[in-house]
Amino acid sequence: MASTNDLKNGLVLNLEGQLWTVVAFQHVKPGKGPAFVRTTLKHVLTGKQVDKTFNAGLKVDTATVDKRDMTFLYKDGADFVFMDKDTYDQVTVPGAAVAGAADFLLENNDAMVATHEGTVLFVENPVSVELVVSHTDPGLQGDRSTGGTKPATLETGAEIQVPLFLNTGDKIKVDTRDGRYLGRVTS
């Protein structure tokens, strides 16, 4: 149990048997009337966002979410197999829990696996990953970095927009939150 005064971004609440993550919050003290807390909550499993207002000082039930760094080993049908870096235990995660993280998941790369009471809630990639462009149309003479973009398929199968000067085989850095191109990696 925690008070609404203790709310912070990333805290997981158990409201009426469902898990919600606090995305944003604001303590409001109007000139008249009691103080309250305005929040934006995101459903942990479905990703649906709602706005909810709580009275200040109200007790809310928090959920214990265990986040562990794990290594992605391989894909087994629709499921994904991860290994705990500390105990070397292998965990099978259903494809629904991995969801959009699968677009940027490479074998032997690290990811954060969040569980609640033994059930995997979601998988979170690092903020950026380095991937190889497996296919893109060749660039033309005169293409510049500020010119425009073209579609490119990455080694994971994800398709993103990249600058015109990139070619197949180039290694790039990608933001895993929105699939945005961040830059070319020189090695």
N, C-alpha and C. Protein backbone atom coordinates (compact mmCIF):
# COMPACT_ATOMS: atom_id res chain seq x y z
N MET A 1 0.83 -1.18 0.00
CA MET A 1 0.00 0.00 0.00
C MET A 1 0.88 1.25 0.00
N ALA A 2 0.44 2.20 -0.78
CA ALA A 2 1.15 3.49 -0.84
C ALA A 2 0.10 4.59 -0.90
N SER A 3 0.52 5.77 -0.62
CA SER A 3 -0.36 6.93 -0.68
C SER A 3 -0.26 7.54 -2.08
N THR A 4 -1.28 8.24 -2.50
CA THR A 4 -1.22 8.92 -3.80
C THR A 4 -0.14 10.00 -3.80
N ASN A 5 0.28 10.44 -2.63
CA ASN A 5 1.37 11.41 -2.54
C ASN A 5 2.71 10.77 -2.90
N ASP A 6 2.78 9.43 -2.85
CA ASP A 6 4.02 8.71 -3.15
C ASP A 6 4.11 8.27 -4.61
N LEU A 7 3.13 8.62 -5.44
CA LEU A 7 3.14 8.18 -6.83
C LEU A 7 4.34 8.74 -7.58
N LYS A 8 4.90 7.92 -8.48
CA LYS A 8 6.00 8.36 -9.34
C LYS A 8 5.91 7.59 -10.65
N ASN A 9 6.55 8.10 -11.68
CA ASN A 9 6.52 7.46 -12.98
C ASN A 9 7.13 6.06 -12.89
N GLY A 10 6.47 5.09 -13.54
CA GLY A 10 6.97 3.72 -13.55
C GLY A 10 6.41 2.84 -12.45
N LEU A 11 5.77 3.44 -11.44
CA LEU A 11 5.18 2.66 -10.36
C LEU A 11 4.01 1.85 -10.90
N VAL A 12 3.89 0.59 -10.49
CA VAL A 12 2.81 -0.27 -10.97
C VAL A 12 1.76 -0.37 -9.86
N LEU A 13 0.52 -0.02 -10.21
CA LEU A 13 -0.60 -0.06 -9.27
C LEU A 13 -1.50 -1.24 -9.59
N ASN A 14 -2.09 -1.80 -8.53
CA ASN A 14 -3.07 -2.87 -8.68
C ASN A 14 -4.44 -2.27 -8.39
N LEU A 15 -5.17 -1.90 -9.45
CA LEU A 15 -6.48 -1.28 -9.30
C LEU A 15 -7.55 -2.27 -9.75
N GLU A 16 -8.37 -2.68 -8.81
CA GLU A 16 -9.48 -3.60 -9.09
C GLU A 16 -8.99 -4.87 -9.81
N GLY A 17 -7.85 -5.39 -9.38
CA GLY A 17 -7.34 -6.65 -9.93
C GLY A 17 -6.57 -6.50 -11.24
N GLN A 18 -6.41 -5.29 -11.74
CA GLN A 18 -5.68 -5.08 -12.98
C GLN A 18 -4.44 -4.24 -12.70
N LEU A 19 -3.37 -4.51 -13.46
CA LEU A 19 -2.11 -3.81 -13.25
C LEU A 19 -2.00 -2.61 -14.19
N TRP A 20 -1.69 -1.45 -13.60
CA TRP A 20 -1.54 -0.20 -14.35
C TRP A 20 -0.22 0.45 -13.98
N THR A 21 0.50 0.98 -14.97
CA THR A 21 1.75 1.69 -14.74
C THR A 21 1.48 3.18 -14.78
N VAL A 22 2.07 3.94 -13.85
CA VAL A 22 1.93 5.39 -13.83
C VAL A 22 2.84 5.97 -14.92
N VAL A 23 2.23 6.60 -15.92
CA VAL A 23 2.99 7.22 -17.01
C VAL A 23 3.30 8.67 -16.67
N ALA A 24 2.32 9.37 -16.12
CA ALA A 24 2.50 10.77 -15.74
C ALA A 24 1.59 11.07 -14.56
N PHE A 25 2.00 12.02 -13.73
CA PHE A 25 1.18 12.42 -12.59
C PHE A 25 1.40 13.89 -12.29
N GLN A 26 0.40 14.49 -11.66
CA GLN A 26 0.50 15.90 -11.30
C GLN A 26 -0.30 16.13 -10.03
N HIS A 27 0.35 16.68 -9.01
CA HIS A 27 -0.33 17.05 -7.77
C HIS A 27 -0.96 18.42 -7.98
N VAL A 28 -2.25 18.52 -7.70
CA VAL A 28 -2.98 19.78 -7.92
C VAL A 28 -3.57 20.25 -6.60
N LYS A 29 -3.31 21.50 -6.26
CA LYS A 29 -3.88 22.13 -5.06
C LYS A 29 -4.67 23.34 -5.51
N PRO A 30 -5.97 23.14 -5.75
CA PRO A 30 -6.79 24.28 -6.20
C PRO A 30 -6.98 25.30 -5.08
N GLY A 31 -7.40 26.49 -5.45
CA GLY A 31 -7.65 27.54 -4.46
C GLY A 31 -8.77 27.16 -3.52
N LYS A 32 -9.77 26.49 -4.06
CA LYS A 32 -10.89 26.03 -3.24
C LYS A 32 -10.96 24.51 -3.33
N GLY A 33 -11.30 23.87 -2.26
CA GLY A 33 -11.47 22.43 -2.27
C GLY A 33 -10.19 21.67 -1.93
N PRO A 34 -10.33 20.37 -1.82
CA PRO A 34 -9.18 19.55 -1.41
C PRO A 34 -8.20 19.31 -2.57
N ALA A 35 -6.97 18.98 -2.21
CA ALA A 35 -5.95 18.67 -3.21
C ALA A 35 -6.26 17.32 -3.84
N PHE A 36 -5.76 17.13 -5.08
CA PHE A 36 -5.95 15.84 -5.75
C PHE A 36 -4.75 15.56 -6.64
N VAL A 37 -4.67 14.32 -7.12
CA VAL A 37 -3.58 13.89 -7.99
C VAL A 37 -4.17 13.45 -9.31
N ARG A 38 -3.75 14.10 -10.38
CA ARG A 38 -4.21 13.75 -11.73
C ARG A 38 -3.14 12.84 -12.35
N THR A 39 -3.54 11.65 -12.84
CA THR A 39 -2.56 10.70 -13.37
C THR A 39 -2.96 10.22 -14.76
N THR A 40 -1.97 9.76 -15.50
CA THR A 40 -2.18 9.02 -16.74
C THR A 40 -1.64 7.63 -16.47
N LEU A 41 -2.50 6.63 -16.63
CA LEU A 41 -2.15 5.25 -16.34
C LEU A 41 -2.16 4.43 -17.63
N LYS A 42 -1.24 3.48 -17.72
CA LYS A 42 -1.16 2.59 -18.88
C LYS A 42 -1.35 1.16 -18.40
N HIS A 43 -2.30 0.45 -19.02
CA HIS A 43 -2.55 -0.95 -18.66
C HIS A 43 -1.33 -1.77 -19.06
N VAL A 44 -0.81 -2.56 -18.12
CA VAL A 44 0.44 -3.29 -18.34
C VAL A 44 0.31 -4.30 -19.48
N LEU A 45 -0.80 -5.01 -19.57
CA LEU A 45 -0.95 -6.06 -20.58
C LEU A 45 -1.44 -5.56 -21.93
N THR A 46 -2.40 -4.65 -21.93
CA THR A 46 -2.99 -4.22 -23.20
C THR A 46 -2.37 -2.95 -23.77
N GLY A 47 -1.73 -2.13 -22.92
CA GLY A 47 -1.13 -0.88 -23.38
C GLY A 47 -2.11 0.28 -23.45
N LYS A 48 -3.36 0.04 -23.09
CA LYS A 48 -4.39 1.10 -23.12
C LYS A 48 -4.07 2.16 -22.07
N GLN A 49 -4.21 3.44 -22.45
CA GLN A 49 -3.94 4.54 -21.52
C GLN A 49 -5.24 5.21 -21.11
N VAL A 50 -5.34 5.53 -19.82
CA VAL A 50 -6.51 6.24 -19.29
C VAL A 50 -6.03 7.34 -18.34
N ASP A 51 -6.85 8.36 -18.19
CA ASP A 51 -6.60 9.42 -17.21
C ASP A 51 -7.45 9.13 -15.99
N LYS A 52 -6.85 9.21 -14.81
CA LYS A 52 -7.58 8.93 -13.58
C LYS A 52 -7.18 9.96 -12.53
N THR A 53 -8.14 10.40 -11.74
CA THR A 53 -7.90 11.39 -10.69
C THR A 53 -8.11 10.73 -9.33
N PHE A 54 -7.18 10.95 -8.43
CA PHE A 54 -7.27 10.42 -7.07
C PHE A 54 -7.29 11.59 -6.10
N ASN A 55 -7.98 11.42 -4.97
CA ASN A 55 -7.90 12.40 -3.89
C ASN A 55 -6.52 12.31 -3.26
N ALA A 56 -5.97 13.43 -2.84
CA ALA A 56 -4.65 13.45 -2.21
C ALA A 56 -4.69 12.66 -0.91
N GLY A 57 -3.65 11.87 -0.67
CA GLY A 57 -3.56 11.09 0.56
C GLY A 57 -4.30 9.78 0.52
N LEU A 58 -5.00 9.46 -0.56
CA LEU A 58 -5.73 8.21 -0.68
C LEU A 58 -4.75 7.05 -0.77
N LYS A 59 -5.07 5.93 -0.14
CA LYS A 59 -4.21 4.75 -0.20
C LYS A 59 -4.51 3.96 -1.48
N VAL A 60 -3.46 3.58 -2.19
CA VAL A 60 -3.60 2.76 -3.40
C VAL A 60 -2.73 1.52 -3.26
N ASP A 61 -3.18 0.44 -3.86
CA ASP A 61 -2.47 -0.84 -3.78
C ASP A 61 -1.40 -0.89 -4.87
N THR A 62 -0.15 -1.11 -4.47
CA THR A 62 0.93 -1.21 -5.45
C THR A 62 1.22 -2.68 -5.71
N ALA A 63 1.70 -2.97 -6.90
CA ALA A 63 2.05 -4.34 -7.28
C ALA A 63 3.56 -4.47 -7.32
N THR A 64 4.04 -5.64 -6.94
CA THR A 64 5.47 -5.90 -6.98
C THR A 64 5.82 -6.47 -8.35
N VAL A 65 6.58 -5.72 -9.10
CA VAL A 65 7.00 -6.16 -10.44
C VAL A 65 8.51 -6.37 -10.38
N ASP A 66 8.92 -7.59 -10.70
CA ASP A 66 10.34 -7.94 -10.68
C ASP A 66 10.90 -7.77 -12.09
N LYS A 67 11.81 -6.82 -12.26
CA LYS A 67 12.43 -6.59 -13.56
C LYS A 67 13.85 -7.16 -13.52
N ARG A 68 14.13 -8.07 -14.47
CA ARG A 68 15.44 -8.71 -14.50
C ARG A 68 16.07 -8.57 -15.88
N ASP A 69 17.39 -8.37 -15.88
CA ASP A 69 18.14 -8.39 -17.13
C ASP A 69 18.30 -9.83 -17.57
N MET A 70 17.86 -10.11 -18.77
CA MET A 70 17.97 -11.47 -19.31
C MET A 70 18.54 -11.41 -20.72
N THR A 71 19.04 -12.55 -21.18
CA THR A 71 19.60 -12.66 -22.51
C THR A 71 18.63 -13.45 -23.38
N PHE A 72 18.29 -12.90 -24.55
CA PHE A 72 17.42 -13.60 -25.48
C PHE A 72 18.22 -14.71 -26.16
N LEU A 73 17.74 -15.95 -26.05
CA LEU A 73 18.45 -17.08 -26.62
C LEU A 73 17.95 -17.44 -28.02
N TYR A 74 16.65 -17.77 -28.13
CA TYR A 74 16.12 -18.17 -29.43
C TYR A 74 14.60 -18.11 -29.41
N LYS A 75 14.02 -18.20 -30.59
CA LYS A 75 12.57 -18.21 -30.74
C LYS A 75 12.12 -19.65 -30.93
N ASP A 76 11.11 -20.06 -30.18
CA ASP A 76 10.59 -21.42 -30.22
C ASP A 76 9.13 -21.35 -30.64
N GLY A 77 8.87 -21.42 -31.94
CA GLY A 77 7.50 -21.26 -32.45
C GLY A 77 7.06 -19.83 -32.23
N ALA A 78 5.96 -19.65 -31.47
CA ALA A 78 5.47 -18.30 -31.18
C ALA A 78 6.07 -17.76 -29.88
N ASP A 79 6.79 -18.61 -29.14
CA ASP A 79 7.36 -18.22 -27.86
C ASP A 79 8.82 -17.79 -28.01
N PHE A 80 9.30 -17.08 -27.00
CA PHE A 80 10.68 -16.61 -26.96
C PHE A 80 11.34 -17.16 -25.70
N VAL A 81 12.57 -17.63 -25.83
CA VAL A 81 13.28 -18.20 -24.68
C VAL A 81 14.38 -17.24 -24.24
N PHE A 82 14.34 -16.88 -22.96
CA PHE A 82 15.32 -15.97 -22.36
C PHE A 82 16.07 -16.72 -21.26
N MET A 83 17.30 -16.26 -20.97
CA MET A 83 18.09 -16.84 -19.90
C MET A 83 18.41 -15.76 -18.88
N ASP A 84 18.14 -16.08 -17.60
CA ASP A 84 18.48 -15.17 -16.51
C ASP A 84 19.99 -15.11 -16.40
N LYS A 85 20.55 -13.89 -16.40
CA LYS A 85 22.00 -13.71 -16.38
C LYS A 85 22.63 -14.10 -15.05
N ASP A 86 21.85 -14.10 -13.97
CA ASP A 86 22.39 -14.43 -12.65
C ASP A 86 22.29 -15.92 -12.34
N THR A 87 21.12 -16.51 -12.60
CA THR A 87 20.90 -17.91 -12.21
C THR A 87 21.03 -18.89 -13.38
N TYR A 88 21.11 -18.39 -14.59
CA TYR A 88 21.19 -19.20 -15.81
C TYR A 88 19.92 -20.03 -16.05
N ASP A 89 18.83 -19.69 -15.37
CA ASP A 89 17.55 -20.36 -15.61
C ASP A 89 16.99 -19.87 -16.92
N GLN A 90 16.35 -20.79 -17.67
CA GLN A 90 15.73 -20.40 -18.93
C GLN A 90 14.23 -20.19 -18.70
N VAL A 91 13.72 -19.10 -19.27
CA VAL A 91 12.32 -18.73 -19.12
C VAL A 91 11.70 -18.64 -20.51
N THR A 92 10.56 -19.31 -20.70
CA THR A 92 9.83 -19.22 -21.96
C THR A 92 8.78 -18.13 -21.83
N VAL A 93 8.84 -17.15 -22.74
CA VAL A 93 7.94 -16.01 -22.69
C VAL A 93 7.00 -16.09 -23.89
N PRO A 94 5.68 -16.01 -23.66
CA PRO A 94 4.75 -16.04 -24.79
C PRO A 94 4.94 -14.84 -25.71
N GLY A 95 4.67 -15.03 -26.99
CA GLY A 95 4.83 -13.98 -27.98
C GLY A 95 4.02 -12.74 -27.66
N ALA A 96 2.85 -12.91 -27.04
CA ALA A 96 2.00 -11.75 -26.71
C ALA A 96 2.68 -10.83 -25.70
N ALA A 97 3.48 -11.39 -24.78
CA ALA A 97 4.16 -10.57 -23.78
C ALA A 97 5.34 -9.83 -24.40
N VAL A 98 5.94 -10.41 -25.45
CA VAL A 98 7.08 -9.76 -26.10
C VAL A 98 6.59 -8.63 -26.99
N ALA A 99 5.50 -8.86 -27.70
CA ALA A 99 4.83 -7.87 -28.55
C ALA A 99 5.80 -7.12 -29.46
N GLY A 100 5.82 -5.79 -29.39
CA GLY A 100 6.63 -4.96 -30.28
C GLY A 100 8.12 -5.06 -30.03
N ALA A 101 8.53 -5.57 -28.88
CA ALA A 101 9.96 -5.71 -28.59
C ALA A 101 10.62 -6.71 -29.53
N ALA A 102 9.84 -7.61 -30.12
CA ALA A 102 10.39 -8.63 -31.02
C ALA A 102 11.00 -8.03 -32.27
N ASP A 103 10.56 -6.83 -32.66
CA ASP A 103 11.09 -6.18 -33.86
C ASP A 103 12.58 -5.88 -33.77
N PHE A 104 13.10 -5.71 -32.56
CA PHE A 104 14.49 -5.32 -32.38
C PHE A 104 15.26 -6.30 -31.49
N LEU A 105 14.77 -7.55 -31.42
CA LEU A 105 15.36 -8.57 -30.56
C LEU A 105 16.26 -9.49 -31.38
N LEU A 106 17.55 -9.51 -31.04
CA LEU A 106 18.52 -10.39 -31.69
C LEU A 106 18.98 -11.44 -30.70
N GLU A 107 19.31 -12.63 -31.21
CA GLU A 107 19.82 -13.68 -30.34
C GLU A 107 21.07 -13.20 -29.63
N ASN A 108 21.19 -13.58 -28.36
CA ASN A 108 22.31 -13.23 -27.48
C ASN A 108 22.37 -11.76 -27.10
N ASN A 109 21.30 -11.01 -27.35
CA ASN A 109 21.23 -9.62 -26.88
C ASN A 109 20.43 -9.56 -25.59
N ASP A 110 20.67 -8.52 -24.80
CA ASP A 110 20.01 -8.37 -23.51
C ASP A 110 18.67 -7.66 -23.64
N ALA A 111 17.77 -7.98 -22.72
CA ALA A 111 16.47 -7.33 -22.63
C ALA A 111 16.03 -7.39 -21.17
N MET A 112 15.09 -6.52 -20.81
CA MET A 112 14.54 -6.49 -19.46
C MET A 112 13.21 -7.25 -19.48
N VAL A 113 13.09 -8.28 -18.63
CA VAL A 113 11.86 -9.07 -18.55
C VAL A 113 11.19 -8.76 -17.22
N ALA A 114 9.94 -8.28 -17.28
CA ALA A 114 9.20 -7.91 -16.08
C ALA A 114 8.18 -8.99 -15.74
N THR A 115 8.21 -9.45 -14.48
CA THR A 115 7.27 -10.49 -14.04
C THR A 115 6.52 -10.01 -12.79
N HIS A 116 5.33 -10.56 -12.63
CA HIS A 116 4.52 -10.30 -11.44
C HIS A 116 3.92 -11.63 -11.01
N GLU A 117 4.30 -12.07 -9.81
CA GLU A 117 3.83 -13.35 -9.26
C GLU A 117 4.06 -14.50 -10.24
N GLY A 118 5.23 -14.53 -10.87
CA GLY A 118 5.59 -15.63 -11.76
C GLY A 118 5.07 -15.51 -13.18
N THR A 119 4.27 -14.52 -13.46
CA THR A 119 3.72 -14.32 -14.81
C THR A 119 4.49 -13.20 -15.50
N VAL A 120 4.95 -13.47 -16.72
CA VAL A 120 5.68 -12.45 -17.47
C VAL A 120 4.69 -11.41 -17.98
N LEU A 121 4.96 -10.14 -17.67
CA LEU A 121 4.07 -9.06 -18.08
C LEU A 121 4.49 -8.46 -19.41
N PHE A 122 5.78 -8.12 -19.54
CA PHE A 122 6.26 -7.51 -20.77
C PHE A 122 7.77 -7.66 -20.87
N VAL A 123 8.28 -7.42 -22.08
CA VAL A 123 9.71 -7.45 -22.34
C VAL A 123 10.08 -6.07 -22.87
N GLU A 124 11.18 -5.53 -22.35
CA GLU A 124 11.62 -4.18 -22.72
C GLU A 124 13.04 -4.25 -23.26
N ASN A 125 13.24 -3.75 -24.48
CA ASN A 125 14.57 -3.69 -25.07
C ASN A 125 15.36 -2.53 -24.47
N PRO A 126 16.69 -2.54 -24.64
CA PRO A 126 17.45 -1.33 -24.30
C PRO A 126 16.95 -0.17 -25.16
N VAL A 127 17.24 1.06 -24.79
CA VAL A 127 16.73 2.22 -25.52
C VAL A 127 17.20 2.22 -26.97
N SER A 128 18.44 1.80 -27.22
CA SER A 128 18.92 1.74 -28.60
C SER A 128 19.69 0.44 -28.82
N VAL A 129 19.61 -0.05 -30.06
CA VAL A 129 20.33 -1.27 -30.44
C VAL A 129 21.05 -1.03 -31.76
N GLU A 130 22.10 -1.81 -32.00
CA GLU A 130 22.83 -1.73 -33.25
C GLU A 130 22.45 -2.92 -34.11
N LEU A 131 21.95 -2.65 -35.31
CA LEU A 131 21.49 -3.70 -36.22
C LEU A 131 22.05 -3.47 -37.61
N VAL A 132 22.11 -4.55 -38.40
CA VAL A 132 22.60 -4.48 -39.77
C VAL A 132 21.41 -4.36 -40.71
N VAL A 133 21.54 -3.50 -41.72
CA VAL A 133 20.50 -3.36 -42.74
C VAL A 133 20.62 -4.57 -43.68
N SER A 134 19.58 -5.42 -43.69
CA SER A 134 19.65 -6.61 -44.54
C SER A 134 19.20 -6.33 -45.97
N HIS A 135 18.34 -5.32 -46.16
CA HIS A 135 17.95 -4.95 -47.51
C HIS A 135 17.44 -3.52 -47.56
N THR A 136 17.91 -2.80 -48.56
CA THR A 136 17.38 -1.48 -48.88
C THR A 136 17.75 -1.17 -50.32
N ASP A 137 16.99 -0.33 -50.97
CA ASP A 137 17.32 0.06 -52.33
C ASP A 137 18.61 0.85 -52.33
N PRO A 138 19.42 0.71 -53.37
CA PRO A 138 20.69 1.45 -53.39
C PRO A 138 20.44 2.96 -53.47
N GLY A 139 21.37 3.70 -52.87
CA GLY A 139 21.30 5.15 -52.92
C GLY A 139 21.78 5.64 -54.28
N LEU A 140 21.35 6.82 -54.65
CA LEU A 140 21.73 7.40 -55.93
C LEU A 140 22.72 8.53 -55.73
N GLN A 141 23.47 8.85 -56.77
CA GLN A 141 24.43 9.95 -56.72
C GLN A 141 23.69 11.24 -56.34
N GLY A 142 24.23 11.96 -55.40
CA GLY A 142 23.60 13.22 -55.00
C GLY A 142 22.73 13.08 -53.76
N ASP A 143 22.49 11.85 -53.27
CA ASP A 143 21.69 11.68 -52.06
C ASP A 143 22.47 12.21 -50.86
N ARG A 144 21.83 13.00 -50.04
CA ARG A 144 22.48 13.61 -48.89
C ARG A 144 21.77 13.19 -47.61
N SER A 145 22.44 13.39 -46.51
CA SER A 145 21.87 12.98 -45.22
C SER A 145 20.62 13.78 -44.87
N THR A 146 20.48 14.98 -45.39
CA THR A 146 19.30 15.79 -45.07
C THR A 146 18.22 15.67 -46.13
N GLY A 147 18.47 14.88 -47.17
CA GLY A 147 17.54 14.79 -48.29
C GLY A 147 16.21 14.19 -47.95
N GLY A 148 16.14 12.91 -47.72
CA GLY A 148 14.88 12.24 -47.46
C GLY A 148 15.14 10.88 -46.86
N THR A 149 14.13 10.04 -46.90
CA THR A 149 14.27 8.70 -46.33
C THR A 149 13.76 7.66 -47.30
N LYS A 150 14.13 6.41 -47.02
CA LYS A 150 13.67 5.27 -47.80
C LYS A 150 13.47 4.11 -46.84
N PRO A 151 12.64 3.12 -47.20
CA PRO A 151 12.45 1.98 -46.31
C PRO A 151 13.66 1.06 -46.33
N ALA A 152 13.94 0.46 -45.18
CA ALA A 152 15.02 -0.51 -45.05
C ALA A 152 14.57 -1.64 -44.14
N THR A 153 14.94 -2.87 -44.50
CA THR A 153 14.63 -4.03 -43.67
C THR A 153 15.88 -4.38 -42.87
N LEU A 154 15.69 -4.54 -41.56
CA LEU A 154 16.81 -4.85 -40.67
C LEU A 154 16.98 -6.36 -40.53
N GLU A 155 18.07 -6.79 -39.92
CA GLU A 155 18.36 -8.22 -39.77
C GLU A 155 17.32 -8.94 -38.91
N THR A 156 16.56 -8.21 -38.11
CA THR A 156 15.51 -8.82 -37.29
C THR A 156 14.20 -8.95 -38.06
N GLY A 157 14.13 -8.34 -39.25
CA GLY A 157 12.91 -8.36 -40.05
C GLY A 157 12.09 -7.10 -39.92
N ALA A 158 12.44 -6.22 -39.00
CA ALA A 158 11.72 -4.96 -38.82
C ALA A 158 12.02 -4.03 -39.99
N GLU A 159 11.03 -3.22 -40.35
CA GLU A 159 11.22 -2.26 -41.43
C GLU A 159 11.13 -0.86 -40.86
N ILE A 160 12.15 -0.04 -41.14
CA ILE A 160 12.18 1.34 -40.65
C ILE A 160 12.57 2.26 -41.80
N GLN A 161 12.46 3.57 -41.56
CA GLN A 161 12.87 4.57 -42.53
C GLN A 161 14.31 5.00 -42.23
N VAL A 162 15.16 5.02 -43.27
CA VAL A 162 16.57 5.40 -43.10
C VAL A 162 16.92 6.47 -44.14
N PRO A 163 18.01 7.21 -43.93
CA PRO A 163 18.44 8.21 -44.93
C PRO A 163 18.80 7.54 -46.26
N LEU A 164 18.75 8.32 -47.32
CA LEU A 164 18.97 7.81 -48.68
C LEU A 164 20.38 7.27 -48.91
N PHE A 165 21.37 7.75 -48.15
CA PHE A 165 22.76 7.35 -48.41
C PHE A 165 23.12 5.96 -47.86
N LEU A 166 22.24 5.33 -47.04
CA LEU A 166 22.56 4.02 -46.47
C LEU A 166 22.39 2.92 -47.51
N ASN A 167 23.20 1.86 -47.35
CA ASN A 167 23.17 0.72 -48.27
C ASN A 167 22.98 -0.57 -47.49
N THR A 168 22.66 -1.63 -48.20
CA THR A 168 22.55 -2.96 -47.61
C THR A 168 23.90 -3.33 -47.00
N GLY A 169 23.86 -3.87 -45.78
CA GLY A 169 25.09 -4.27 -45.09
C GLY A 169 25.61 -3.24 -44.10
N ASP A 170 25.09 -2.01 -44.14
CA ASP A 170 25.52 -0.98 -43.19
C ASP A 170 24.97 -1.30 -41.79
N LYS A 171 25.76 -0.99 -40.77
CA LYS A 171 25.33 -1.19 -39.39
C LYS A 171 24.83 0.15 -38.87
N ILE A 172 23.61 0.14 -38.29
CA ILE A 172 23.00 1.38 -37.83
C ILE A 172 22.54 1.25 -36.39
N LYS A 173 22.31 2.39 -35.76
CA LYS A 173 21.78 2.46 -34.40
C LYS A 173 20.31 2.85 -34.51
N VAL A 174 19.43 2.11 -33.80
CA VAL A 174 17.99 2.32 -33.89
C VAL A 174 17.41 2.53 -32.49
N ASP A 175 16.50 3.50 -32.36
CA ASP A 175 15.76 3.73 -31.12
C ASP A 175 14.66 2.69 -31.05
N THR A 176 14.67 1.83 -30.02
CA THR A 176 13.71 0.73 -29.93
C THR A 176 12.32 1.18 -29.50
N ARG A 177 12.20 2.39 -28.96
CA ARG A 177 10.89 2.87 -28.51
C ARG A 177 9.98 3.22 -29.67
N ASP A 178 10.56 3.81 -30.72
CA ASP A 178 9.72 4.23 -31.85
C ASP A 178 10.27 3.80 -33.21
N GLY A 179 11.35 3.03 -33.23
CA GLY A 179 11.89 2.53 -34.50
C GLY A 179 12.56 3.60 -35.33
N ARG A 180 13.06 4.63 -34.70
CA ARG A 180 13.69 5.76 -35.39
C ARG A 180 15.16 5.48 -35.63
N TYR A 181 15.66 5.85 -36.81
CA TYR A 181 17.06 5.76 -37.14
C TYR A 181 17.84 6.80 -36.34
N LEU A 182 18.93 6.38 -35.66
CA LEU A 182 19.72 7.31 -34.84
C LEU A 182 21.07 7.65 -35.45
N GLY A 183 21.61 6.75 -36.28
CA GLY A 183 22.90 7.04 -36.87
C GLY A 183 23.58 5.78 -37.37
N ARG A 184 24.63 5.99 -38.15
CA ARG A 184 25.40 4.87 -38.68
C ARG A 184 26.48 4.52 -37.66
N VAL A 185 26.75 3.22 -37.52
CA VAL A 185 27.78 2.76 -36.59
C VAL A 185 29.02 2.43 -37.39
N THR A 186 30.13 3.07 -37.03
CA THR A 186 31.40 2.78 -37.71
C THR A 186 32.23 1.92 -36.78
N SER A 187 32.80 0.85 -37.33
CA SER A 187 33.58 -0.04 -36.46
C SER A 187 35.01 -0.16 -36.90
